[in-house]
Amino acid sequence: MHGGADRNDGTDIAGDSIKIHHNSFCATSVRAIVIRGRPTESADIHHNWFLHTDTNKAVAQTNATGNINIGRNQYTTERTVKD
């Protein structure tokens, strides 16, 4: 999600509401998710499977901080079903 810094409009807004859930991210050579600003409401990232073993290399926020909720994800090369 691109934010205001990318648009050069003087804001750091990256959309209103972002929901990323129930996905499998297999490419470990790049970050799976990058939010490039701050959502006005929230970004909820949950119930995903990342082959990344380092959470900081799986999800990032740039150009601003805040309004991101990350939880109940799996960061492992072995997928196990969890609630």
N, C-alpha and C. Protein backbone atom coordinates (compact mmCIF):
# COMPACT_ATOMS: atom_id res chain seq x y z
N MET A 1 0.86 -1.18 0.00
CA MET A 1 0.00 0.00 0.00
C MET A 1 0.89 1.22 0.00
N HIS A 2 0.74 2.06 -0.98
CA HIS A 2 1.56 3.27 -1.10
C HIS A 2 0.99 4.38 -0.22
N GLY A 3 1.89 5.18 0.34
CA GLY A 3 1.49 6.28 1.20
C GLY A 3 1.77 7.62 0.58
N GLY A 4 1.47 8.66 1.35
CA GLY A 4 1.60 10.03 0.89
C GLY A 4 2.99 10.41 0.43
N ALA A 5 4.01 9.88 1.08
CA ALA A 5 5.38 10.20 0.67
C ALA A 5 5.64 9.77 -0.78
N ASP A 6 4.99 8.72 -1.22
CA ASP A 6 5.12 8.27 -2.61
C ASP A 6 4.41 9.20 -3.58
N ARG A 7 3.35 9.86 -3.09
CA ARG A 7 2.56 10.75 -3.94
C ARG A 7 3.04 12.20 -3.86
N ASN A 8 3.96 12.47 -2.93
CA ASN A 8 4.46 13.83 -2.72
C ASN A 8 3.34 14.83 -2.45
N ASP A 9 2.35 14.40 -1.62
CA ASP A 9 1.25 15.30 -1.31
C ASP A 9 1.30 15.84 0.13
N GLY A 10 2.42 15.62 0.81
CA GLY A 10 2.59 16.15 2.16
C GLY A 10 1.91 15.35 3.25
N THR A 11 1.37 14.18 2.92
CA THR A 11 0.72 13.34 3.93
C THR A 11 1.52 12.04 4.10
N ASP A 12 1.12 11.25 5.10
CA ASP A 12 1.70 9.92 5.27
C ASP A 12 0.60 8.85 5.25
N ILE A 13 -0.55 9.20 4.69
CA ILE A 13 -1.70 8.30 4.65
C ILE A 13 -1.47 7.17 3.64
N ALA A 14 -1.75 5.95 4.08
CA ALA A 14 -1.68 4.77 3.21
C ALA A 14 -3.04 4.07 3.26
N GLY A 15 -4.02 4.64 2.62
CA GLY A 15 -5.35 4.05 2.58
C GLY A 15 -6.10 4.25 3.88
N ASP A 16 -7.28 3.66 3.94
CA ASP A 16 -8.12 3.75 5.13
C ASP A 16 -8.04 2.48 5.96
N SER A 17 -8.48 1.37 5.39
CA SER A 17 -8.54 0.10 6.09
C SER A 17 -7.93 -0.98 5.21
N ILE A 18 -6.97 -1.72 5.76
CA ILE A 18 -6.29 -2.79 5.02
C ILE A 18 -6.48 -4.09 5.80
N LYS A 19 -6.90 -5.13 5.12
CA LYS A 19 -7.06 -6.44 5.75
C LYS A 19 -6.31 -7.47 4.92
N ILE A 20 -5.30 -8.09 5.54
CA ILE A 20 -4.51 -9.12 4.88
C ILE A 20 -4.56 -10.35 5.77
N HIS A 21 -5.26 -11.39 5.31
CA HIS A 21 -5.42 -12.59 6.14
C HIS A 21 -5.59 -13.84 5.29
N HIS A 22 -5.24 -14.96 5.88
CA HIS A 22 -5.39 -16.29 5.28
C HIS A 22 -4.67 -16.42 3.94
N ASN A 23 -3.39 -15.99 3.93
CA ASN A 23 -2.54 -16.09 2.75
C ASN A 23 -1.30 -16.92 3.06
N SER A 24 -0.66 -17.41 2.01
CA SER A 24 0.64 -18.07 2.12
C SER A 24 1.65 -17.24 1.36
N PHE A 25 2.74 -16.86 2.02
CA PHE A 25 3.80 -16.06 1.40
C PHE A 25 5.07 -16.91 1.35
N CYS A 26 5.50 -17.26 0.16
CA CYS A 26 6.59 -18.22 0.00
C CYS A 26 7.91 -17.60 -0.45
N ALA A 27 7.93 -16.41 -1.00
CA ALA A 27 9.16 -15.79 -1.48
C ALA A 27 9.88 -15.14 -0.31
N THR A 28 11.01 -15.69 0.10
CA THR A 28 11.73 -15.17 1.26
C THR A 28 12.82 -14.17 0.89
N SER A 29 13.07 -13.98 -0.39
CA SER A 29 14.12 -13.05 -0.80
C SER A 29 13.66 -11.59 -0.74
N VAL A 30 12.36 -11.37 -0.54
CA VAL A 30 11.78 -10.03 -0.41
C VAL A 30 10.78 -10.04 0.75
N ARG A 31 10.45 -8.85 1.24
CA ARG A 31 9.40 -8.77 2.25
C ARG A 31 8.07 -9.14 1.62
N ALA A 32 7.25 -9.83 2.36
CA ALA A 32 5.94 -10.23 1.85
C ALA A 32 4.98 -9.05 1.83
N ILE A 33 5.03 -8.21 2.86
CA ILE A 33 4.09 -7.10 2.99
C ILE A 33 4.86 -5.84 3.38
N VAL A 34 4.60 -4.75 2.65
CA VAL A 34 5.17 -3.45 3.00
C VAL A 34 4.04 -2.42 2.92
N ILE A 35 3.76 -1.78 4.03
CA ILE A 35 2.79 -0.69 4.09
C ILE A 35 3.61 0.59 4.07
N ARG A 36 3.45 1.40 3.05
CA ARG A 36 4.31 2.57 2.85
C ARG A 36 3.62 3.85 3.32
N GLY A 37 3.25 3.87 4.58
CA GLY A 37 2.57 5.00 5.19
C GLY A 37 1.76 4.49 6.37
N ARG A 38 0.79 5.30 6.84
CA ARG A 38 -0.06 4.91 7.98
C ARG A 38 -1.51 4.92 7.51
N PRO A 39 -2.21 3.78 7.64
CA PRO A 39 -3.63 3.75 7.31
C PRO A 39 -4.41 4.67 8.27
N THR A 40 -5.44 5.33 7.77
CA THR A 40 -6.20 6.22 8.64
C THR A 40 -6.98 5.44 9.70
N GLU A 41 -7.44 4.23 9.37
CA GLU A 41 -8.16 3.40 10.34
C GLU A 41 -7.23 2.32 10.90
N SER A 42 -6.93 1.30 10.10
CA SER A 42 -6.04 0.24 10.56
C SER A 42 -5.63 -0.67 9.41
N ALA A 43 -4.53 -1.38 9.64
CA ALA A 43 -4.11 -2.47 8.77
C ALA A 43 -4.06 -3.70 9.67
N ASP A 44 -4.86 -4.70 9.35
CA ASP A 44 -4.92 -5.92 10.14
C ASP A 44 -4.29 -7.05 9.34
N ILE A 45 -3.22 -7.62 9.88
CA ILE A 45 -2.48 -8.69 9.22
C ILE A 45 -2.51 -9.89 10.15
N HIS A 46 -3.30 -10.90 9.79
CA HIS A 46 -3.48 -12.04 10.70
C HIS A 46 -3.76 -13.34 9.92
N HIS A 47 -3.52 -14.44 10.58
CA HIS A 47 -3.78 -15.79 10.05
C HIS A 47 -3.12 -16.02 8.67
N ASN A 48 -1.88 -15.57 8.53
CA ASN A 48 -1.10 -15.80 7.32
C ASN A 48 0.04 -16.77 7.63
N TRP A 49 0.55 -17.40 6.60
CA TRP A 49 1.71 -18.27 6.74
C TRP A 49 2.85 -17.66 5.93
N PHE A 50 3.94 -17.35 6.62
CA PHE A 50 5.13 -16.79 6.00
C PHE A 50 6.25 -17.81 6.07
N LEU A 51 6.94 -18.05 4.97
CA LEU A 51 8.13 -18.90 5.01
C LEU A 51 9.30 -18.14 5.64
N HIS A 52 9.16 -16.84 5.84
CA HIS A 52 10.18 -16.06 6.53
C HIS A 52 10.24 -16.53 7.98
N THR A 53 11.44 -16.73 8.49
CA THR A 53 11.56 -17.11 9.89
C THR A 53 11.79 -15.89 10.78
N ASP A 54 12.07 -14.75 10.17
CA ASP A 54 12.26 -13.50 10.90
C ASP A 54 11.06 -12.60 10.60
N THR A 55 10.27 -12.28 11.61
CA THR A 55 9.06 -11.48 11.40
C THR A 55 9.37 -10.11 10.80
N ASN A 56 10.51 -9.52 11.15
CA ASN A 56 10.86 -8.21 10.61
C ASN A 56 11.20 -8.24 9.12
N LYS A 57 11.50 -9.42 8.61
CA LYS A 57 11.77 -9.54 7.18
C LYS A 57 10.51 -9.94 6.41
N ALA A 58 9.43 -10.23 7.12
CA ALA A 58 8.17 -10.60 6.48
C ALA A 58 7.26 -9.39 6.28
N VAL A 59 7.16 -8.53 7.30
CA VAL A 59 6.25 -7.39 7.27
C VAL A 59 6.99 -6.13 7.68
N ALA A 60 6.76 -5.04 6.94
CA ALA A 60 7.41 -3.77 7.27
C ALA A 60 6.45 -2.61 7.03
N GLN A 61 6.73 -1.52 7.73
CA GLN A 61 6.02 -0.26 7.50
C GLN A 61 7.08 0.82 7.30
N THR A 62 6.95 1.59 6.22
CA THR A 62 7.91 2.64 5.92
C THR A 62 7.19 3.98 5.80
N ASN A 63 7.94 5.05 5.83
CA ASN A 63 7.45 6.42 5.66
C ASN A 63 6.57 6.93 6.80
N ALA A 64 6.14 6.08 7.70
CA ALA A 64 5.33 6.46 8.86
C ALA A 64 5.18 5.23 9.75
N THR A 65 4.61 5.41 10.91
CA THR A 65 4.35 4.27 11.79
C THR A 65 2.95 4.40 12.38
N GLY A 66 2.39 3.27 12.77
CA GLY A 66 1.13 3.26 13.49
C GLY A 66 -0.03 2.66 12.72
N ASN A 67 -1.06 2.33 13.48
CA ASN A 67 -2.32 1.78 12.98
C ASN A 67 -2.17 0.44 12.27
N ILE A 68 -1.18 -0.35 12.70
CA ILE A 68 -1.02 -1.70 12.14
C ILE A 68 -1.13 -2.72 13.28
N ASN A 69 -1.95 -3.73 13.04
CA ASN A 69 -2.14 -4.82 13.99
C ASN A 69 -1.67 -6.11 13.33
N ILE A 70 -0.66 -6.74 13.93
CA ILE A 70 -0.10 -7.97 13.37
C ILE A 70 -0.20 -9.05 14.44
N GLY A 71 -0.83 -10.18 14.10
CA GLY A 71 -0.94 -11.26 15.07
C GLY A 71 -1.53 -12.52 14.48
N ARG A 72 -1.31 -13.60 15.18
CA ARG A 72 -1.83 -14.92 14.82
C ARG A 72 -1.37 -15.36 13.43
N ASN A 73 -0.11 -14.99 13.10
CA ASN A 73 0.52 -15.44 11.87
C ASN A 73 1.51 -16.54 12.20
N GLN A 74 1.94 -17.26 11.20
CA GLN A 74 2.91 -18.32 11.38
C GLN A 74 4.15 -18.00 10.55
N TYR A 75 5.32 -18.02 11.19
CA TYR A 75 6.59 -17.73 10.54
C TYR A 75 7.47 -18.96 10.66
N THR A 76 7.40 -19.83 9.68
CA THR A 76 8.12 -21.10 9.76
C THR A 76 8.18 -21.76 8.38
N THR A 77 9.16 -22.59 8.19
CA THR A 77 9.24 -23.34 6.93
C THR A 77 8.31 -24.56 6.95
N GLU A 78 7.87 -24.95 8.12
CA GLU A 78 6.96 -26.09 8.26
C GLU A 78 5.56 -25.57 8.57
N ARG A 79 4.65 -25.82 7.68
CA ARG A 79 3.29 -25.32 7.90
C ARG A 79 2.50 -26.29 8.77
N THR A 80 1.96 -25.77 9.85
CA THR A 80 1.07 -26.55 10.69
C THR A 80 -0.22 -25.74 10.85
N VAL A 81 -1.32 -26.40 10.81
CA VAL A 81 -2.60 -25.73 10.91
C VAL A 81 -2.83 -25.31 12.36
N LYS A 82 -3.10 -24.02 12.54
CA LYS A 82 -3.39 -23.49 13.87
C LYS A 82 -4.63 -22.62 13.77
N ASP A 83 -5.30 -22.48 14.88
CA ASP A 83 -6.45 -21.57 14.91
C ASP A 83 -5.96 -20.16 15.15
